Amino acid sequence: MTEIIPAIYENGVLRPLIPLALPEHTAVEIQIVKPASVAETERQRVHQVLAEAGVIRPQVITETIQPVSETELTAAAQALGQAGPLSALIIAERAGR
């Protein structure tokens, strides 16, 4: 039998928030699953409603992205290092507008 029940951890003890239909001294196994945050649950609900309404569609990836080699990563890091601080680049770009 598998059943998911809400519980709270307090003073070193897990306490069920609903009565359990178990005889006293029954051994059980516990799997800890933290509930999704309210914001995440709400985001998922909004996404589902928008998808069902046809407002959004799942993103389809049509090309395979190849991993970046160590050589390419090193070259990119060196180029970024020579360019100076990112904040200076952003300020210069904004000044050019």
N, C-alpha and C. Protein backbone atom coordinates (compact mmCIF):
# COMPACT_ATOMS: atom_id res chain seq x y z
N MET A 1 0.85 -1.19 0.00
CA MET A 1 0.00 0.00 0.00
C MET A 1 0.89 1.24 0.00
N THR A 2 0.62 2.14 -0.91
CA THR A 2 1.32 3.42 -0.96
C THR A 2 0.29 4.52 -0.77
N GLU A 3 0.60 5.41 0.13
CA GLU A 3 -0.32 6.51 0.42
C GLU A 3 0.52 7.75 0.70
N ILE A 4 0.10 8.87 0.17
CA ILE A 4 0.79 10.13 0.44
C ILE A 4 -0.07 10.92 1.41
N ILE A 5 0.54 11.28 2.52
CA ILE A 5 -0.19 12.04 3.54
C ILE A 5 0.63 13.26 3.92
N PRO A 6 -0.02 14.34 4.29
CA PRO A 6 0.74 15.50 4.76
C PRO A 6 1.21 15.28 6.19
N ALA A 7 2.38 15.76 6.48
CA ALA A 7 2.93 15.66 7.84
C ALA A 7 3.77 16.89 8.11
N ILE A 8 4.06 17.11 9.37
CA ILE A 8 4.91 18.23 9.75
C ILE A 8 6.02 17.68 10.65
N TYR A 9 7.20 18.24 10.49
CA TYR A 9 8.34 17.82 11.31
C TYR A 9 8.50 18.85 12.41
N GLU A 10 8.39 18.41 13.66
CA GLU A 10 8.54 19.32 14.78
C GLU A 10 9.15 18.58 15.97
N ASN A 11 10.09 19.21 16.61
CA ASN A 11 10.77 18.64 17.77
C ASN A 11 11.35 17.25 17.49
N GLY A 12 11.88 17.07 16.28
CA GLY A 12 12.53 15.82 15.93
C GLY A 12 11.60 14.67 15.59
N VAL A 13 10.30 14.96 15.42
CA VAL A 13 9.33 13.91 15.15
C VAL A 13 8.45 14.32 13.97
N LEU A 14 8.20 13.35 13.06
CA LEU A 14 7.24 13.58 11.99
C LEU A 14 5.84 13.32 12.54
N ARG A 15 4.95 14.30 12.40
CA ARG A 15 3.59 14.16 12.92
C ARG A 15 2.61 14.26 11.75
N PRO A 16 1.84 13.18 11.50
CA PRO A 16 0.85 13.23 10.41
C PRO A 16 -0.19 14.31 10.70
N LEU A 17 -0.65 14.97 9.65
CA LEU A 17 -1.66 16.01 9.80
C LEU A 17 -3.07 15.46 9.64
N ILE A 18 -3.17 14.18 9.28
CA ILE A 18 -4.47 13.51 9.20
C ILE A 18 -4.35 12.17 9.92
N PRO A 19 -5.47 11.62 10.40
CA PRO A 19 -5.41 10.32 11.07
C PRO A 19 -4.98 9.22 10.08
N LEU A 20 -4.22 8.25 10.57
CA LEU A 20 -3.75 7.16 9.73
C LEU A 20 -4.56 5.90 10.04
N ALA A 21 -4.90 5.16 8.99
CA ALA A 21 -5.64 3.91 9.15
C ALA A 21 -4.66 2.77 9.31
N LEU A 22 -3.88 2.82 10.39
CA LEU A 22 -2.87 1.80 10.66
C LEU A 22 -3.02 1.30 12.09
N PRO A 23 -2.80 0.01 12.29
CA PRO A 23 -2.79 -0.47 13.67
C PRO A 23 -1.56 0.08 14.41
N GLU A 24 -1.66 0.18 15.71
CA GLU A 24 -0.54 0.65 16.52
C GLU A 24 0.69 -0.22 16.28
N HIS A 25 1.86 0.40 16.31
CA HIS A 25 3.16 -0.25 16.16
C HIS A 25 3.41 -0.85 14.78
N THR A 26 2.66 -0.37 13.77
CA THR A 26 2.89 -0.82 12.40
C THR A 26 4.16 -0.17 11.88
N ALA A 27 5.06 -0.96 11.33
CA ALA A 27 6.29 -0.42 10.73
C ALA A 27 5.97 0.13 9.34
N VAL A 28 6.49 1.30 9.05
CA VAL A 28 6.28 1.92 7.74
C VAL A 28 7.62 2.44 7.23
N GLU A 29 7.68 2.71 5.94
CA GLU A 29 8.83 3.38 5.34
C GLU A 29 8.40 4.78 4.98
N ILE A 30 9.29 5.73 5.16
CA ILE A 30 8.95 7.13 4.89
C ILE A 30 9.84 7.64 3.77
N GLN A 31 9.21 8.26 2.78
CA GLN A 31 9.95 8.94 1.72
C GLN A 31 9.66 10.43 1.89
N ILE A 32 10.72 11.22 2.04
CA ILE A 32 10.56 12.66 2.25
C ILE A 32 10.45 13.34 0.89
N VAL A 33 9.33 14.02 0.67
CA VAL A 33 9.11 14.78 -0.55
C VAL A 33 8.66 16.17 -0.13
N LYS A 34 9.51 17.16 -0.39
CA LYS A 34 9.13 18.52 -0.03
C LYS A 34 8.09 19.01 -1.02
N PRO A 35 7.00 19.61 -0.53
CA PRO A 35 5.97 20.11 -1.46
C PRO A 35 6.52 21.26 -2.29
N ALA A 36 6.02 21.35 -3.51
CA ALA A 36 6.42 22.46 -4.38
C ALA A 36 6.00 23.77 -3.74
N SER A 37 6.78 24.79 -3.97
CA SER A 37 6.42 26.09 -3.41
C SER A 37 5.12 26.57 -4.03
N VAL A 38 4.44 27.43 -3.34
CA VAL A 38 3.18 27.97 -3.83
C VAL A 38 3.41 28.68 -5.16
N ALA A 39 4.50 29.43 -5.27
CA ALA A 39 4.78 30.15 -6.51
C ALA A 39 5.00 29.18 -7.67
N GLU A 40 5.74 28.11 -7.43
CA GLU A 40 6.00 27.13 -8.48
C GLU A 40 4.71 26.42 -8.88
N THR A 41 3.90 26.06 -7.91
CA THR A 41 2.62 25.41 -8.20
C THR A 41 1.73 26.33 -9.01
N GLU A 42 1.68 27.59 -8.64
CA GLU A 42 0.87 28.57 -9.37
C GLU A 42 1.40 28.76 -10.78
N ARG A 43 2.72 28.81 -10.94
CA ARG A 43 3.32 28.96 -12.27
C ARG A 43 2.95 27.78 -13.15
N GLN A 44 3.00 26.57 -12.60
CA GLN A 44 2.65 25.38 -13.36
C GLN A 44 1.18 25.40 -13.76
N ARG A 45 0.32 25.86 -12.86
CA ARG A 45 -1.12 25.94 -13.16
C ARG A 45 -1.39 26.93 -14.28
N VAL A 46 -0.74 28.10 -14.22
CA VAL A 46 -0.92 29.12 -15.26
C VAL A 46 -0.42 28.57 -16.60
N HIS A 47 0.74 27.91 -16.59
CA HIS A 47 1.29 27.34 -17.82
C HIS A 47 0.32 26.32 -18.41
N GLN A 48 -0.27 25.47 -17.58
CA GLN A 48 -1.21 24.46 -18.05
C GLN A 48 -2.45 25.12 -18.67
N VAL A 49 -3.00 26.13 -18.01
CA VAL A 49 -4.19 26.81 -18.52
C VAL A 49 -3.89 27.47 -19.87
N LEU A 50 -2.73 28.14 -19.97
CA LEU A 50 -2.37 28.79 -21.23
C LEU A 50 -2.17 27.77 -22.35
N ALA A 51 -1.56 26.63 -22.02
CA ALA A 51 -1.35 25.59 -23.03
C ALA A 51 -2.69 25.01 -23.48
N GLU A 52 -3.59 24.75 -22.54
CA GLU A 52 -4.91 24.21 -22.89
C GLU A 52 -5.72 25.19 -23.73
N ALA A 53 -5.51 26.49 -23.51
CA ALA A 53 -6.22 27.51 -24.28
C ALA A 53 -5.57 27.74 -25.65
N GLY A 54 -4.42 27.12 -25.88
CA GLY A 54 -3.74 27.30 -27.17
C GLY A 54 -2.94 28.58 -27.27
N VAL A 55 -2.77 29.27 -26.16
CA VAL A 55 -2.03 30.53 -26.17
C VAL A 55 -0.53 30.27 -26.28
N ILE A 56 -0.07 29.19 -25.65
CA ILE A 56 1.34 28.82 -25.74
C ILE A 56 1.42 27.37 -26.20
N ARG A 57 2.55 27.03 -26.79
CA ARG A 57 2.80 25.66 -27.23
C ARG A 57 4.13 25.20 -26.66
N PRO A 58 4.29 23.89 -26.47
CA PRO A 58 5.58 23.40 -25.99
C PRO A 58 6.68 23.75 -26.99
N GLN A 59 7.84 24.09 -26.48
CA GLN A 59 8.97 24.44 -27.34
C GLN A 59 9.52 23.16 -27.94
N VAL A 60 9.63 23.15 -29.27
CA VAL A 60 10.16 22.00 -29.97
C VAL A 60 11.60 22.32 -30.37
N ILE A 61 12.52 21.50 -29.91
CA ILE A 61 13.94 21.70 -30.25
C ILE A 61 14.22 20.93 -31.53
N THR A 62 14.61 21.65 -32.57
CA THR A 62 14.80 21.03 -33.87
C THR A 62 16.26 20.74 -34.19
N GLU A 63 17.18 21.31 -33.44
CA GLU A 63 18.58 21.06 -33.71
C GLU A 63 19.28 20.58 -32.44
N THR A 64 20.28 19.77 -32.66
CA THR A 64 21.05 19.27 -31.54
C THR A 64 22.16 20.26 -31.22
N ILE A 65 22.28 20.62 -29.97
CA ILE A 65 23.32 21.55 -29.54
C ILE A 65 24.55 20.75 -29.16
N GLN A 66 25.65 21.06 -29.81
CA GLN A 66 26.90 20.34 -29.57
C GLN A 66 27.59 20.93 -28.34
N PRO A 67 28.23 20.10 -27.54
CA PRO A 67 28.96 20.61 -26.37
C PRO A 67 30.14 21.48 -26.80
N VAL A 68 30.48 22.43 -25.96
CA VAL A 68 31.59 23.34 -26.23
C VAL A 68 32.88 22.68 -25.73
N SER A 69 33.91 22.71 -26.57
CA SER A 69 35.17 22.07 -26.19
C SER A 69 35.93 22.93 -25.19
N GLU A 70 36.88 22.32 -24.50
CA GLU A 70 37.73 23.04 -23.56
C GLU A 70 38.50 24.15 -24.27
N THR A 71 38.95 23.89 -25.49
CA THR A 71 39.69 24.89 -26.27
C THR A 71 38.82 26.10 -26.55
N GLU A 72 37.56 25.86 -26.93
CA GLU A 72 36.64 26.97 -27.21
C GLU A 72 36.32 27.74 -25.93
N LEU A 73 36.15 27.03 -24.82
CA LEU A 73 35.89 27.71 -23.55
C LEU A 73 37.06 28.59 -23.14
N THR A 74 38.28 28.07 -23.32
CA THR A 74 39.48 28.83 -22.97
C THR A 74 39.59 30.07 -23.84
N ALA A 75 39.36 29.93 -25.14
CA ALA A 75 39.43 31.07 -26.06
C ALA A 75 38.39 32.13 -25.70
N ALA A 76 37.17 31.69 -25.35
CA ALA A 76 36.12 32.63 -24.98
C ALA A 76 36.47 33.35 -23.68
N ALA A 77 37.01 32.63 -22.71
CA ALA A 77 37.39 33.24 -21.44
C ALA A 77 38.49 34.27 -21.64
N GLN A 78 39.46 33.96 -22.50
CA GLN A 78 40.54 34.91 -22.77
C GLN A 78 40.00 36.16 -23.47
N ALA A 79 39.11 35.97 -24.45
CA ALA A 79 38.54 37.12 -25.17
C ALA A 79 37.74 38.00 -24.22
N LEU A 80 36.96 37.39 -23.34
CA LEU A 80 36.19 38.18 -22.38
C LEU A 80 37.10 38.88 -21.38
N GLY A 81 38.17 38.22 -20.98
CA GLY A 81 39.12 38.84 -20.06
C GLY A 81 39.80 40.05 -20.66
N GLN A 82 40.11 40.00 -21.95
CA GLN A 82 40.78 41.12 -22.63
C GLN A 82 39.81 42.27 -22.87
N ALA A 83 38.52 41.97 -22.96
CA ALA A 83 37.53 43.01 -23.24
C ALA A 83 37.29 43.92 -22.04
N GLY A 84 37.67 43.49 -20.85
CA GLY A 84 37.47 44.30 -19.66
C GLY A 84 36.20 43.91 -18.94
N PRO A 85 35.86 44.64 -17.90
CA PRO A 85 34.67 44.33 -17.12
C PRO A 85 33.39 44.44 -17.96
N LEU A 86 32.47 43.52 -17.74
CA LEU A 86 31.22 43.52 -18.48
C LEU A 86 30.46 44.82 -18.25
N SER A 87 30.51 45.34 -17.03
CA SER A 87 29.79 46.59 -16.74
C SER A 87 30.31 47.73 -17.61
N ALA A 88 31.63 47.78 -17.85
CA ALA A 88 32.20 48.83 -18.70
C ALA A 88 31.72 48.67 -20.14
N LEU A 89 31.62 47.44 -20.61
CA LEU A 89 31.13 47.21 -21.97
C LEU A 89 29.67 47.65 -22.11
N ILE A 90 28.85 47.36 -21.10
CA ILE A 90 27.44 47.75 -21.15
C ILE A 90 27.31 49.26 -21.13
N ILE A 91 28.08 49.93 -20.28
CA ILE A 91 28.04 51.40 -20.21
C ILE A 91 28.49 52.00 -21.54
N ALA A 92 29.54 51.46 -22.14
CA ALA A 92 30.01 51.97 -23.43
C ALA A 92 28.97 51.76 -24.51
N GLU A 93 28.32 50.61 -24.49
CA GLU A 93 27.29 50.34 -25.50
C GLU A 93 26.11 51.30 -25.35
N ARG A 94 25.71 51.55 -24.11
CA ARG A 94 24.59 52.47 -23.88
C ARG A 94 24.96 53.91 -24.28
N ALA A 95 26.21 54.28 -24.06
CA ALA A 95 26.64 55.64 -24.41
C ALA A 95 26.64 55.83 -25.93
N GLY A 96 26.83 54.74 -26.66
CA GLY A 96 26.87 54.82 -28.13
C GLY A 96 25.52 54.92 -28.78
N ARG A 97 24.48 54.77 -28.02
CA ARG A 97 23.10 54.82 -28.60
C ARG A 97 22.67 56.20 -28.89
